[in-house]
Amino acid sequence: MRELRVIGVTPDSTHIVCSDTESGTKFRLPADDKLRAAARGDLARFGQIEIETEASMRPRDIQARIRAGASVEQVTAESGMPAGKVERFAYPVLLERARAAELAQKAHPVRPDGPALETLHEIVTAAFAERGHTIEQAEWDAWKDEKGFWVAQLQWRHGHSEIAAHWRYQPDAHGGSVSPLDDPAGDLIDPDFGRALRGLATVAPTPVEQAPAVEPPKPVEPRPREQATPTARPQARPAQPMLDEFFEQRAVAAGGGAAAIPAPAAPAASIPAAPATPEKQAEPETEPAAEEQAPEKPAAKAKTKRGKAPMPSWEDVLLGVRSSGR
């Protein structure tokens, strides 16, 4: 092994200049962390720097990828490093994720009406039991998102599908709280957790009550109204002046003076006159019948004209003799 001697540094101070003591040949070495660790005798730091140099991904990057939710297999495939070396840096971060998932199960879900009294694990266990799932077959996990918040995940298999629910976990002094980030998470912490996920209930048609048929009112036959029977008017006697003129003319024709006009015989019976149309109809049934109309007064008898001769008898008329003997 040839011995080298440090003779200086480069103008930019990034390399150290060394020379061969025998031949005087000059060499340079990069002034990096590995050289500094070797100069200090820090073998642990020197070994870590050597691993970082040989690998395509640094341990810090490996842990950042694991903390963000990547698995060891994914990081191994991305870095091209042996799985044993990736697991050595990923193990502390995997413990951190498991602890965060455990704390999220003890947190209280946040509902529209406020935080629930039960923990997330209690509510999810009851919801799984109501829906016929098995909580033991579900897997809990947690990781940090881009904003630095912990995200808790519950993944289970139902039939041929894989279902995953996610909550955002925020630790605090009272156990922390979790808020749903997707529909499965919201359905699991729903107070009505007994119903099926996204189930639809059949709505039965509401029977329409028919109004009772209204019978049409029966027509009321009007009762015949009682009409007041009009009182028959007595037939008026023939006018006396006309008879007087008749007998006077006949007496003159016979050659005598004015003969006395005999009194006409009384009529045998009065002929009933035609019923007059009642001027006023009877009142409705609810009121008593109107009183019968008072019979009309018989026509006044014709008065004998003053200044006329007394009516002669039939014998005087036939014999042409006055009743006075003249």
Protein backbone atom coordinates (compact mmCIF):
# COMPACT_ATOMS: atom_id res chain seq x y z
CA MET A 1 0.00 0.00 0.00
CA ARG A 2 1.42 3.32 -1.00
CA GLU A 3 1.43 6.21 1.43
CA LEU A 4 0.01 9.58 0.55
CA ARG A 5 0.55 12.93 2.18
CA VAL A 6 -1.96 15.80 2.34
CA ILE A 7 -0.45 18.88 0.77
CA GLY A 8 -3.51 21.18 0.42
CA VAL A 9 -6.99 21.79 -0.89
CA THR A 10 -8.36 22.89 -4.16
CA PRO A 11 -9.31 26.55 -4.67
CA ASP A 12 -13.04 25.73 -4.25
CA SER A 13 -12.36 23.71 -1.06
CA THR A 14 -14.28 20.68 -2.39
CA HIS A 15 -11.29 18.36 -2.64
CA ILE A 16 -8.12 17.59 -0.69
CA VAL A 17 -4.81 17.36 -2.60
CA CYS A 18 -2.43 14.55 -1.67
CA SER A 19 0.94 13.49 -3.09
CA ASP A 20 2.97 10.29 -3.26
CA THR A 21 5.97 10.48 -1.02
CA GLU A 22 8.13 8.37 -3.30
CA SER A 23 7.21 9.55 -6.76
CA GLY A 24 5.68 12.91 -5.92
CA THR A 25 2.51 12.13 -7.89
CA LYS A 26 -0.42 14.25 -6.78
CA PHE A 27 -3.93 12.94 -5.99
CA ARG A 28 -7.15 14.53 -4.82
CA LEU A 29 -9.98 13.26 -2.59
CA PRO A 30 -13.54 14.67 -2.30
CA ALA A 31 -14.08 16.50 0.98
CA ASP A 32 -17.45 14.86 1.83
CA ASP A 33 -19.17 13.43 4.91
CA LYS A 34 -17.55 10.07 4.43
CA LEU A 35 -14.08 11.58 4.56
CA ARG A 36 -15.01 13.65 7.61
CA ALA A 37 -16.47 10.56 9.40
CA ALA A 38 -13.31 8.64 8.62
CA ALA A 39 -11.17 11.47 9.88
CA ARG A 40 -13.16 11.58 13.14
CA GLY A 41 -13.08 7.81 13.50
CA ASP A 42 -16.95 7.57 13.51
CA LEU A 43 -17.34 4.08 12.13
CA ALA A 44 -21.18 3.97 12.49
CA ARG A 45 -21.61 7.13 10.54
CA PHE A 46 -19.04 5.95 8.05
CA GLY A 47 -20.96 2.66 7.49
CA GLN A 48 -24.30 4.44 7.09
CA ILE A 49 -22.79 6.81 4.58
CA GLU A 50 -21.35 3.85 2.70
CA ILE A 51 -24.82 2.18 2.52
CA GLU A 52 -26.41 5.39 1.31
CA THR A 53 -23.79 5.71 -1.33
CA GLU A 54 -24.21 2.16 -2.60
CA ALA A 55 -28.08 2.27 -2.61
CA SER A 56 -30.24 4.13 -5.10
CA MET A 57 -32.56 5.43 -2.28
CA ARG A 58 -31.50 6.93 0.99
CA PRO A 59 -32.88 5.63 4.30
CA ARG A 60 -34.68 8.92 4.87
CA ASP A 61 -36.47 8.49 1.56
CA ILE A 62 -37.33 4.90 2.39
CA GLN A 63 -38.91 5.91 5.70
CA ALA A 64 -40.79 8.79 4.09
CA ARG A 65 -42.29 6.41 1.55
CA ILE A 66 -43.25 3.91 4.26
CA ARG A 67 -44.80 6.65 6.43
CA ALA A 68 -46.87 7.80 3.45
CA GLY A 69 -48.53 4.39 3.21
CA ALA A 70 -46.23 2.42 0.91
CA SER A 71 -45.42 -1.15 1.73
CA VAL A 72 -41.96 -2.73 2.00
CA GLU A 73 -42.51 -4.61 -1.25
CA GLN A 74 -43.35 -1.40 -3.09
CA VAL A 75 -40.25 0.39 -1.80
CA THR A 76 -38.08 -2.59 -2.65
CA ALA A 77 -39.38 -2.63 -6.20
CA GLU A 78 -38.87 1.11 -6.55
CA SER A 79 -35.35 1.27 -5.12
CA GLY A 80 -33.94 -1.98 -6.41
CA MET A 81 -32.43 -2.63 -3.00
CA PRO A 82 -32.55 -5.97 -1.21
CA ALA A 83 -35.69 -6.48 0.88
CA GLY A 84 -33.57 -7.04 4.03
CA LYS A 85 -31.99 -3.58 3.80
CA VAL A 86 -35.38 -1.90 3.15
CA GLU A 87 -36.99 -3.66 6.13
CA ARG A 88 -34.20 -2.47 8.41
CA PHE A 89 -35.11 1.16 7.74
CA ALA A 90 -38.87 0.57 7.39
CA TYR A 91 -39.38 -1.29 10.68
CA PRO A 92 -39.50 1.78 13.00
CA VAL A 93 -41.97 3.52 10.71
CA LEU A 94 -44.21 0.45 10.55
CA LEU A 95 -44.42 0.47 14.36
CA GLU A 96 -45.39 4.13 14.23
CA ARG A 97 -48.20 3.40 11.78
CA ALA A 98 -49.57 0.56 13.88
CA ARG A 99 -49.65 2.81 16.95
CA ALA A 100 -51.53 5.49 15.04
CA ALA A 101 -54.14 2.95 13.85
CA GLU A 102 -54.62 1.74 17.43
CA LEU A 103 -55.16 5.29 18.71
CA ALA A 104 -57.62 6.00 15.88
CA GLN A 105 -59.79 3.06 16.99
CA LYS A 106 -60.06 4.62 20.46
CA ALA A 107 -61.04 8.02 19.06
CA HIS A 108 -64.63 9.30 18.88
CA PRO A 109 -66.30 9.66 15.47
CA VAL A 110 -67.58 13.11 14.56
CA ARG A 111 -71.23 13.08 13.42
CA PRO A 112 -73.41 15.96 12.16
CA ASP A 113 -74.75 16.42 15.69
CA GLY A 114 -71.30 16.29 17.35
CA PRO A 115 -68.77 13.70 18.56
CA ALA A 116 -70.18 10.31 19.53
CA LEU A 117 -69.81 8.92 23.06
CA GLU A 118 -68.71 5.51 21.77
CA THR A 119 -65.30 4.91 20.24
CA LEU A 120 -64.74 4.15 16.58
CA HIS A 121 -63.98 0.51 17.31
CA GLU A 122 -67.22 0.03 19.30
CA ILE A 123 -69.38 1.64 16.64
CA VAL A 124 -67.76 -0.26 13.78
CA THR A 125 -68.03 -3.58 15.65
CA ALA A 126 -71.77 -3.05 16.21
CA ALA A 127 -72.27 -2.04 12.57
CA PHE A 128 -70.45 -5.14 11.33
CA ALA A 129 -72.55 -7.38 13.60
CA GLU A 130 -75.80 -5.86 12.34
CA ARG A 131 -74.77 -6.37 8.71
CA GLY A 132 -73.51 -9.90 9.17
CA HIS A 133 -69.80 -9.09 8.71
CA THR A 134 -66.92 -10.29 10.88
CA ILE A 135 -64.75 -7.56 12.40
CA GLU A 136 -61.92 -10.05 13.09
CA GLN A 137 -61.32 -10.45 9.36
CA ALA A 138 -60.96 -6.69 8.82
CA GLU A 139 -57.53 -5.03 8.89
CA TRP A 140 -56.65 -1.66 10.43
CA ASP A 141 -53.88 0.54 9.12
CA ALA A 142 -52.80 4.20 9.24
CA TRP A 143 -50.47 6.56 7.41
CA LYS A 144 -49.81 10.26 6.92
CA ASP A 145 -51.21 12.20 3.98
CA GLU A 146 -49.59 15.05 2.11
CA LYS A 147 -50.88 17.60 4.63
CA GLY A 148 -49.36 15.74 7.58
CA PHE A 149 -52.66 14.31 9.00
CA TRP A 150 -52.98 10.69 10.03
CA VAL A 151 -55.47 8.66 7.95
CA ALA A 152 -56.94 5.51 9.51
CA GLN A 153 -58.09 2.75 7.18
CA LEU A 154 -60.36 -0.25 7.75
CA GLN A 155 -60.30 -2.79 4.94
CA TRP A 156 -62.39 -5.96 4.69
CA ARG A 157 -63.61 -8.38 2.06
CA HIS A 158 -67.30 -8.87 1.29
CA GLY A 159 -68.04 -11.49 -1.32
CA HIS A 160 -65.68 -10.89 -4.22
CA SER A 161 -65.07 -7.19 -3.47
CA GLU A 162 -62.59 -5.39 -1.32
CA ILE A 163 -64.10 -2.52 0.66
CA ALA A 164 -62.08 0.16 2.45
CA ALA A 165 -63.23 2.96 4.75
CA HIS A 166 -61.04 5.94 5.63
CA TRP A 167 -61.15 8.46 8.50
CA ARG A 168 -58.93 11.43 9.35
CA TYR A 169 -57.51 11.03 12.85
CA GLN A 170 -56.67 14.10 14.94
CA PRO A 171 -55.18 13.28 18.36
CA ASP A 172 -56.01 15.38 21.41
CA ALA A 173 -56.09 15.13 25.20
CA HIS A 174 -59.53 13.39 25.22
CA GLY A 175 -58.64 10.48 22.99
CA GLY A 176 -58.83 12.24 19.67
CA SER A 177 -61.52 12.37 17.01
CA VAL A 178 -62.04 10.83 13.59
CA SER A 179 -63.93 12.29 10.64
CA PRO A 180 -65.12 10.18 7.68
CA LEU A 181 -63.40 10.79 4.34
CA ASP A 182 -65.60 8.60 2.08
CA ASP A 183 -69.06 7.03 1.89
CA PRO A 184 -68.22 3.64 3.48
CA ALA A 185 -66.70 5.42 6.48
CA GLY A 186 -69.75 7.65 6.83
CA ASP A 187 -72.12 4.69 6.59
CA LEU A 188 -70.29 2.75 9.30
CA ILE A 189 -70.58 5.54 11.87
CA ASP A 190 -74.17 6.36 10.89
CA PRO A 191 -76.51 5.98 13.92
CA ASP A 192 -78.79 3.89 11.70
CA PHE A 193 -75.99 1.38 11.10
CA GLY A 194 -78.43 -1.57 10.93
CA ARG A 195 -79.51 -0.80 7.39
CA ALA A 196 -77.64 -2.13 4.38
CA LEU A 197 -75.09 0.06 2.63
CA ARG A 198 -76.83 2.22 0.04
CA GLY A 199 -80.01 0.21 0.43
CA LEU A 200 -83.29 1.38 -1.02
CA ALA A 201 -86.60 0.63 0.62
CA THR A 202 -89.70 -0.08 -1.43
CA VAL A 203 -92.36 2.53 -0.86
CA ALA A 204 -95.84 1.04 -0.81
CA PRO A 205 -98.51 3.11 -2.54
CA THR A 206 -100.76 4.92 -0.13
CA PRO A 207 -104.42 3.93 -0.59
CA VAL A 208 -106.57 6.87 -1.57
CA GLU A 209 -109.67 7.19 0.52
CA GLN A 210 -112.72 7.68 -1.63
CA ALA A 211 -115.23 10.22 -0.51
CA PRO A 212 -118.65 8.77 0.32
CA ALA A 213 -121.09 9.08 -2.53
CA VAL A 214 -123.61 11.82 -1.97
CA GLU A 215 -127.14 10.78 -2.85
CA PRO A 216 -128.96 13.35 -4.95
CA PRO A 217 -131.88 14.95 -3.12
CA LYS A 218 -135.24 13.39 -3.88
CA PRO A 219 -137.59 15.69 -5.74
CA VAL A 220 -140.42 16.86 -3.54
CA GLU A 221 -143.79 16.73 -5.25
CA PRO A 222 -145.60 20.00 -4.67
CA ARG A 223 -148.89 19.60 -2.95
CA PRO A 224 -151.89 21.17 -4.66
CA ARG A 225 -152.67 24.43 -3.03
CA GLU A 226 -156.13 24.92 -1.71
CA GLN A 227 -157.98 27.50 -3.72
CA ALA A 228 -160.64 29.56 -2.21
CA THR A 229 -164.05 28.60 -3.59
CA PRO A 230 -165.54 31.72 -5.06
CA THR A 231 -169.05 32.58 -3.99
CA ALA A 232 -171.61 32.44 -6.76
CA ARG A 233 -172.96 35.85 -7.61
CA PRO A 234 -176.76 36.16 -7.94
CA GLN A 235 -177.89 36.93 -11.45
CA ALA A 236 -178.89 40.52 -11.80
CA ARG A 237 -182.47 41.22 -12.81
CA PRO A 238 -183.05 42.71 -16.24
CA ALA A 239 -183.00 46.42 -16.26
CA GLN A 240 -186.46 47.85 -15.57
CA PRO A 241 -186.15 50.80 -18.00
CA MET A 242 -185.89 48.47 -20.98
CA LEU A 243 -189.16 46.69 -20.06
CA ASP A 244 -190.92 50.00 -19.58
CA GLU A 245 -189.97 51.16 -23.01
CA PHE A 246 -191.10 47.82 -24.51
CA PHE A 247 -194.58 47.99 -23.00
CA GLU A 248 -195.06 51.64 -23.85
CA GLN A 249 -194.26 51.03 -27.46
CA ARG A 250 -196.63 48.03 -27.52
CA ALA A 251 -199.46 50.05 -25.94
CA VAL A 252 -199.02 52.84 -28.43
CA ALA A 253 -199.16 50.33 -31.24
CA ALA A 254 -202.45 48.97 -29.88
CA GLY A 255 -203.98 52.45 -30.08
CA GLY A 256 -204.10 53.30 -26.42
CA GLY A 257 -202.06 55.54 -24.26
CA ALA A 258 -199.21 54.58 -22.28
CA ALA A 259 -200.17 51.35 -20.60
CA ALA A 260 -199.01 50.35 -17.28
CA ILE A 261 -196.10 47.99 -17.48
CA PRO A 262 -196.77 44.82 -15.49
CA ALA A 263 -194.20 43.83 -12.90
CA PRO A 264 -192.06 40.97 -14.07
CA ALA A 265 -192.33 37.67 -12.29
CA ALA A 266 -189.56 36.75 -9.92
CA PRO A 267 -187.04 34.37 -11.39
CA ALA A 268 -187.52 30.76 -10.38
CA ALA A 269 -183.90 30.24 -9.40
CA SER A 270 -180.71 32.06 -9.80
CA ILE A 271 -178.31 30.60 -12.34
CA PRO A 272 -174.87 30.25 -10.83
CA ALA A 273 -172.35 32.40 -12.54
CA ALA A 274 -169.09 31.10 -13.92
CA PRO A 275 -166.40 30.84 -11.23
CA ALA A 276 -164.22 33.87 -11.33
CA THR A 277 -160.48 33.48 -11.24
CA PRO A 278 -159.32 33.98 -7.69
CA GLU A 279 -157.34 37.16 -7.42
CA LYS A 280 -155.08 35.84 -4.68
CA GLN A 281 -153.65 32.34 -4.33
CA ALA A 282 -153.39 30.54 -1.04
CA GLU A 283 -150.27 30.97 1.07
CA PRO A 284 -147.56 28.16 1.30
CA GLU A 285 -148.19 25.02 3.36
CA THR A 286 -146.28 26.31 6.31
CA GLU A 287 -148.78 29.13 6.73
CA PRO A 288 -152.46 28.65 7.43
CA ALA A 289 -154.79 28.94 4.48
CA ALA A 290 -156.00 32.39 3.75
CA GLU A 291 -159.46 33.22 4.84
CA GLU A 292 -162.11 32.76 2.26
CA GLN A 293 -162.87 35.82 0.32
CA ALA A 294 -165.98 37.57 1.35
CA PRO A 295 -168.81 37.11 -1.11
CA GLU A 296 -169.34 40.00 -3.36
CA LYS A 297 -172.45 42.10 -2.71
CA PRO A 298 -175.30 41.49 -5.12
CA ALA A 299 -175.78 44.11 -7.69
CA ALA A 300 -178.08 46.85 -6.61
CA LYS A 301 -181.55 46.62 -8.00
CA ALA A 302 -182.31 48.90 -10.81
CA LYS A 303 -184.32 51.79 -9.66
CA THR A 304 -187.52 52.67 -11.45
CA LYS A 305 -187.30 55.78 -13.51
CA ARG A 306 -189.18 58.68 -12.09
CA GLY A 307 -192.01 60.18 -14.14
CA LYS A 308 -193.02 56.90 -15.82
CA ALA A 309 -196.54 55.42 -15.72
CA PRO A 310 -197.18 52.50 -13.45
CA MET A 311 -196.76 49.10 -15.04
CA PRO A 312 -200.20 47.78 -16.31
CA SER A 313 -201.28 44.25 -15.77
CA TRP A 314 -201.54 41.72 -18.57
CA GLU A 315 -205.29 42.01 -18.72
CA ASP A 316 -205.14 45.76 -19.21
CA VAL A 317 -202.59 45.30 -21.90
CA LEU A 318 -204.74 42.74 -23.78
CA LEU A 319 -207.99 44.64 -23.38
CA GLY A 320 -206.50 48.05 -23.84
CA VAL A 321 -207.94 49.33 -20.56
CA ARG A 322 -205.94 51.30 -17.98
CA SER A 323 -205.98 50.04 -14.43
CA SER A 324 -207.23 53.45 -13.31
CA GLY A 325 -210.46 52.97 -15.29
CA ARG A 326 -209.79 55.79 -17.67
